[in-house]
Amino acid sequence: MSSSVSHIITSVLSGLTATVTAALGGIALTVVLALAAGLALRSPSRVVRGISRVYVEIFRGTSEVVQLFWLYFVLPVLVGFQLVPMFAGILVLGLNHGAYGAEIVRGAVNSVPRAQFEGAVALNLTPVQRMRRVILPQAFAEMLPPFNNLFIQLLKSTALLSFIAVPEMARQGELLRPVFGAELGWIYGTELVLYLVLALLITGGMRLLERFAARRLGRAPAKMTAIAGGV
């Protein structure tokens, strides 16, 4: 391996920590916002539903790049306060993907059979107890596959943080391009492999959560169900 290729791989790898930090921070914020907004969309209060719907439609219906620029470049002009690039990036990742996640949560809760709600009411459970003990455990299992896709999309969106000088993998690769123009295959090939590895790690973790959720509900894993159906 030539010294230039070794330098390219090392340089791109130097952005791995920032990429993972942004992804994990964005995922954590996405989960919190998705649960809060998703449950708020089912609130009996029209005001609460309205506020949640406005949030979902604004962040789901506008460009993530424009949101990033507004938060990092426009907001300081309006309020005189500059956000740290990494924090601004995580905030936009969480707000944007949390809006999509809210619809996942709402749909998962709505997919729980009506009989489960009625049974919880018959047991004289409070609304909070019904949601925590009966509805959410079942809805949680339904949320996991779409959340897997959402988290992978969020991971890929961390490349947008290069626009505000966060030293993640995509930015580190772009800094190499003017010097190593003849080695673009190595620059972008390294980035492709690293993003793929991170996406596979997310998928592996989510699959484990899916099996855990299925066991808690007494469901057979998907693979075993398919085998049983074939028999």
Protein backbone atom coordinates (compact mmCIF):
# COMPACT_ATOMS: atom_id res chain seq x y z
CA MET A 1 0.00 0.00 0.00
CA SER A 2 1.44 3.38 -1.03
CA SER A 3 2.02 6.15 1.47
CA SER A 4 -0.68 8.31 -0.15
CA VAL A 5 -3.32 5.58 0.22
CA SER A 6 -2.32 4.99 3.82
CA HIS A 7 -2.59 8.73 4.49
CA ILE A 8 -6.05 8.84 2.86
CA ILE A 9 -7.38 5.98 4.96
CA THR A 10 -5.92 7.44 8.16
CA SER A 11 -7.36 10.89 7.41
CA VAL A 12 -10.86 9.60 6.68
CA LEU A 13 -10.72 7.42 9.79
CA SER A 14 -9.88 10.52 11.83
CA GLY A 15 -13.43 11.70 11.16
CA LEU A 16 -15.00 8.47 12.43
CA THR A 17 -15.31 9.69 16.02
CA ALA A 18 -17.18 12.82 14.97
CA THR A 19 -19.49 10.80 12.71
CA VAL A 20 -20.30 8.30 15.47
CA THR A 21 -20.81 11.10 18.01
CA ALA A 22 -23.20 12.95 15.72
CA ALA A 23 -25.09 9.76 14.86
CA LEU A 24 -25.48 8.63 18.47
CA GLY A 25 -26.49 12.10 19.65
CA GLY A 26 -28.95 12.43 16.78
CA ILE A 27 -30.43 8.99 17.45
CA ALA A 28 -30.89 9.74 21.16
CA LEU A 29 -32.64 13.05 20.41
CA THR A 30 -34.70 11.42 17.65
CA VAL A 31 -36.04 8.76 20.02
CA VAL A 32 -37.04 11.34 22.65
CA LEU A 33 -38.72 13.69 20.17
CA ALA A 34 -40.38 10.87 18.23
CA LEU A 35 -41.96 9.41 21.36
CA ALA A 36 -43.06 12.80 22.68
CA ALA A 37 -44.46 14.05 19.38
CA GLY A 38 -45.90 10.69 18.35
CA LEU A 39 -47.87 10.29 21.57
CA ALA A 40 -48.87 13.96 21.44
CA LEU A 41 -50.42 13.32 18.02
CA ARG A 42 -52.88 11.00 19.81
CA SER A 43 -53.62 13.42 22.64
CA PRO A 44 -57.27 14.20 23.36
CA SER A 45 -56.24 17.88 23.52
CA ARG A 46 -56.59 19.66 20.19
CA VAL A 47 -53.91 22.17 21.21
CA VAL A 48 -51.36 19.45 22.00
CA ARG A 49 -52.15 17.64 18.75
CA GLY A 50 -51.87 20.91 16.84
CA ILE A 51 -48.47 21.81 18.29
CA SER A 52 -47.12 18.34 17.55
CA ARG A 53 -48.53 18.40 14.01
CA VAL A 54 -46.93 21.77 13.29
CA TYR A 55 -43.55 20.45 14.46
CA VAL A 56 -43.85 17.30 12.36
CA GLU A 57 -44.91 19.08 9.19
CA ILE A 58 -42.28 21.84 9.44
CA PHE A 59 -39.31 19.54 9.96
CA ARG A 60 -40.59 16.77 7.70
CA GLY A 61 -41.54 19.15 4.91
CA THR A 62 -38.42 21.32 4.68
CA SER A 63 -34.87 20.60 3.55
CA GLU A 64 -32.53 19.25 6.20
CA VAL A 65 -29.70 21.32 4.70
CA VAL A 66 -31.77 24.51 4.98
CA GLN A 67 -32.65 23.62 8.58
CA LEU A 68 -28.95 23.21 9.32
CA PHE A 69 -28.10 26.56 7.74
CA TRP A 70 -30.91 28.31 9.61
CA LEU A 71 -29.77 26.95 12.96
CA TYR A 72 -26.07 27.55 12.43
CA PHE A 73 -25.93 30.70 10.27
CA VAL A 74 -29.26 32.52 10.59
CA LEU A 75 -30.06 31.98 14.27
CA PRO A 76 -26.85 33.71 15.48
CA VAL A 77 -27.80 36.77 13.40
CA LEU A 78 -31.24 36.86 14.99
CA VAL A 79 -30.32 36.17 18.62
CA GLY A 80 -26.59 36.89 18.74
CA PHE A 81 -25.70 33.42 20.00
CA GLN A 82 -23.53 31.00 18.01
CA LEU A 83 -24.07 27.27 18.51
CA VAL A 84 -21.15 24.85 18.61
CA PRO A 85 -21.06 23.08 15.20
CA MET A 86 -21.42 19.56 16.61
CA PHE A 87 -24.31 20.58 18.87
CA ALA A 88 -26.07 22.37 16.00
CA GLY A 89 -25.64 19.29 13.83
CA ILE A 90 -27.02 16.90 16.44
CA LEU A 91 -29.94 19.24 17.09
CA VAL A 92 -30.91 19.34 13.41
CA LEU A 93 -30.47 15.57 13.00
CA GLY A 94 -32.71 14.95 16.01
CA LEU A 95 -35.36 17.52 15.07
CA ASN A 96 -35.57 16.37 11.46
CA HIS A 97 -35.61 12.63 12.03
CA GLY A 98 -37.71 12.99 15.17
CA ALA A 99 -40.48 14.40 12.98
CA TYR A 100 -40.41 11.28 10.81
CA GLY A 101 -40.16 9.11 13.92
CA ALA A 102 -43.27 10.72 15.39
CA GLU A 103 -45.35 9.24 12.59
CA ILE A 104 -43.75 5.84 13.20
CA VAL A 105 -44.73 6.01 16.86
CA ARG A 106 -48.26 7.17 16.06
CA GLY A 107 -48.74 4.41 13.51
CA ALA A 108 -47.34 1.75 15.84
CA VAL A 109 -49.64 2.76 18.68
CA ASN A 110 -52.62 2.84 16.32
CA SER A 111 -51.75 -0.69 15.16
CA VAL A 112 -52.36 -2.15 18.63
CA PRO A 113 -55.72 -3.95 18.53
CA ARG A 114 -58.65 -2.02 20.00
CA ALA A 115 -59.36 -4.97 22.28
CA GLN A 116 -56.10 -4.27 24.12
CA PHE A 117 -57.25 -0.74 24.95
CA GLU A 118 -60.63 -2.01 26.08
CA GLY A 119 -59.07 -4.73 28.23
CA ALA A 120 -56.81 -2.17 29.92
CA VAL A 121 -59.82 0.01 30.65
CA ALA A 122 -61.69 -3.01 32.06
CA LEU A 123 -58.77 -3.60 34.43
CA ASN A 124 -59.29 -0.04 35.72
CA LEU A 125 -55.80 1.08 34.66
CA THR A 126 -55.11 4.79 34.45
CA PRO A 127 -54.31 6.26 31.00
CA VAL A 128 -50.60 6.36 31.90
CA GLN A 129 -50.67 2.76 33.14
CA ARG A 130 -52.54 1.63 30.02
CA MET A 131 -49.94 3.22 27.78
CA ARG A 132 -46.91 2.06 29.79
CA ARG A 133 -47.99 -1.50 30.64
CA VAL A 134 -50.21 -2.55 27.75
CA ILE A 135 -49.96 -0.36 24.65
CA LEU A 136 -46.32 0.74 24.39
CA PRO A 137 -44.77 -2.74 24.88
CA GLN A 138 -46.77 -3.98 21.88
CA ALA A 139 -46.23 -0.84 19.84
CA PHE A 140 -42.49 -0.93 20.62
CA ALA A 141 -42.09 -4.16 18.67
CA GLU A 142 -43.81 -2.59 15.66
CA MET A 143 -41.64 0.54 15.80
CA LEU A 144 -38.29 -1.20 15.60
CA PRO A 145 -38.06 -2.13 11.87
CA PRO A 146 -38.97 1.38 10.61
CA PHE A 147 -36.74 2.96 13.26
CA ASN A 148 -33.88 0.81 11.94
CA ASN A 149 -34.32 2.44 8.53
CA LEU A 150 -34.66 5.89 10.11
CA PHE A 151 -31.45 5.52 12.11
CA ILE A 152 -29.50 4.43 9.03
CA GLN A 153 -30.85 7.44 7.16
CA LEU A 154 -29.75 9.63 10.07
CA LEU A 155 -26.27 8.11 9.94
CA LYS A 156 -25.98 9.02 6.26
CA SER A 157 -27.24 12.53 7.02
CA THR A 158 -24.25 13.16 9.29
CA ALA A 159 -22.32 13.91 6.08
CA LEU A 160 -24.32 17.16 5.87
CA LEU A 161 -22.47 18.39 8.94
CA SER A 162 -19.45 18.93 6.70
CA PHE A 163 -21.22 22.13 5.57
CA ILE A 164 -20.70 23.65 9.04
CA ALA A 165 -17.12 22.40 9.48
CA VAL A 166 -17.80 19.42 11.73
CA PRO A 167 -14.73 17.20 11.18
CA GLU A 168 -16.69 14.05 10.30
CA MET A 169 -15.70 11.53 7.64
CA ALA A 170 -17.18 13.30 4.62
CA ARG A 171 -15.44 16.57 5.46
CA GLN A 172 -12.13 14.83 6.07
CA GLY A 173 -12.47 13.24 2.66
CA GLU A 174 -13.24 16.56 0.97
CA LEU A 175 -10.14 18.13 2.53
CA LEU A 176 -8.07 15.42 0.83
CA ARG A 177 -9.59 15.91 -2.63
CA PRO A 178 -7.54 18.95 -3.76
CA VAL A 179 -4.28 17.20 -2.85
CA PHE A 180 -5.08 13.62 -3.83
CA GLY A 181 -7.27 14.22 -6.88
CA ALA A 182 -5.84 11.15 -8.58
CA GLU A 183 -6.88 8.94 -5.64
CA LEU A 184 -10.60 9.78 -5.51
CA GLY A 185 -11.47 6.08 -5.65
CA TRP A 186 -9.63 5.50 -2.40
CA ILE A 187 -11.13 8.58 -0.72
CA TYR A 188 -14.75 7.81 -1.50
CA GLY A 189 -14.28 4.06 -1.38
CA THR A 190 -13.01 4.33 2.20
CA GLU A 191 -16.01 6.48 3.12
CA LEU A 192 -18.41 4.00 1.52
CA VAL A 193 -16.97 1.08 3.47
CA LEU A 194 -17.04 2.94 6.78
CA TYR A 195 -20.65 4.10 6.33
CA LEU A 196 -21.64 0.55 5.38
CA VAL A 197 -19.96 -0.92 8.45
CA LEU A 198 -21.69 1.60 10.73
CA ALA A 199 -25.05 0.90 9.07
CA LEU A 200 -24.57 -2.84 9.56
CA LEU A 201 -23.80 -2.26 13.24
CA ILE A 202 -27.03 -0.28 13.62
CA THR A 203 -28.97 -3.02 11.86
CA GLY A 204 -27.40 -5.70 14.06
CA GLY A 205 -28.30 -3.79 17.22
CA MET A 206 -31.86 -3.21 16.07
CA ARG A 207 -32.29 -6.88 15.14
CA LEU A 208 -31.28 -7.82 18.68
CA LEU A 209 -33.86 -5.40 20.03
CA GLU A 210 -36.48 -6.89 17.71
CA ARG A 211 -35.81 -10.39 19.06
CA PHE A 212 -35.90 -9.10 22.64
CA ALA A 213 -39.22 -7.34 22.04
CA ALA A 214 -40.67 -10.43 20.36
CA ARG A 215 -39.69 -12.65 23.30
CA ARG A 216 -41.28 -10.25 25.77
CA LEU A 217 -44.53 -10.47 23.85
CA GLY A 218 -44.29 -14.25 23.52
CA ARG A 219 -43.86 -14.09 19.77
CA ALA A 220 -41.69 -16.46 17.77
CA PRO A 221 -38.74 -14.88 15.91
CA ALA A 222 -39.52 -14.14 12.27
CA LYS A 223 -37.20 -16.87 10.98
CA MET A 224 -38.79 -19.55 13.14
CA THR A 225 -42.26 -18.39 12.19
CA ALA A 226 -41.40 -18.72 8.51
CA ILE A 227 -40.07 -22.25 9.07
CA ALA A 228 -43.17 -23.25 11.02
CA GLY A 229 -45.37 -21.85 8.25
CA GLY A 230 -43.49 -23.89 5.66
CA VAL A 231 -44.00 -27.06 7.68
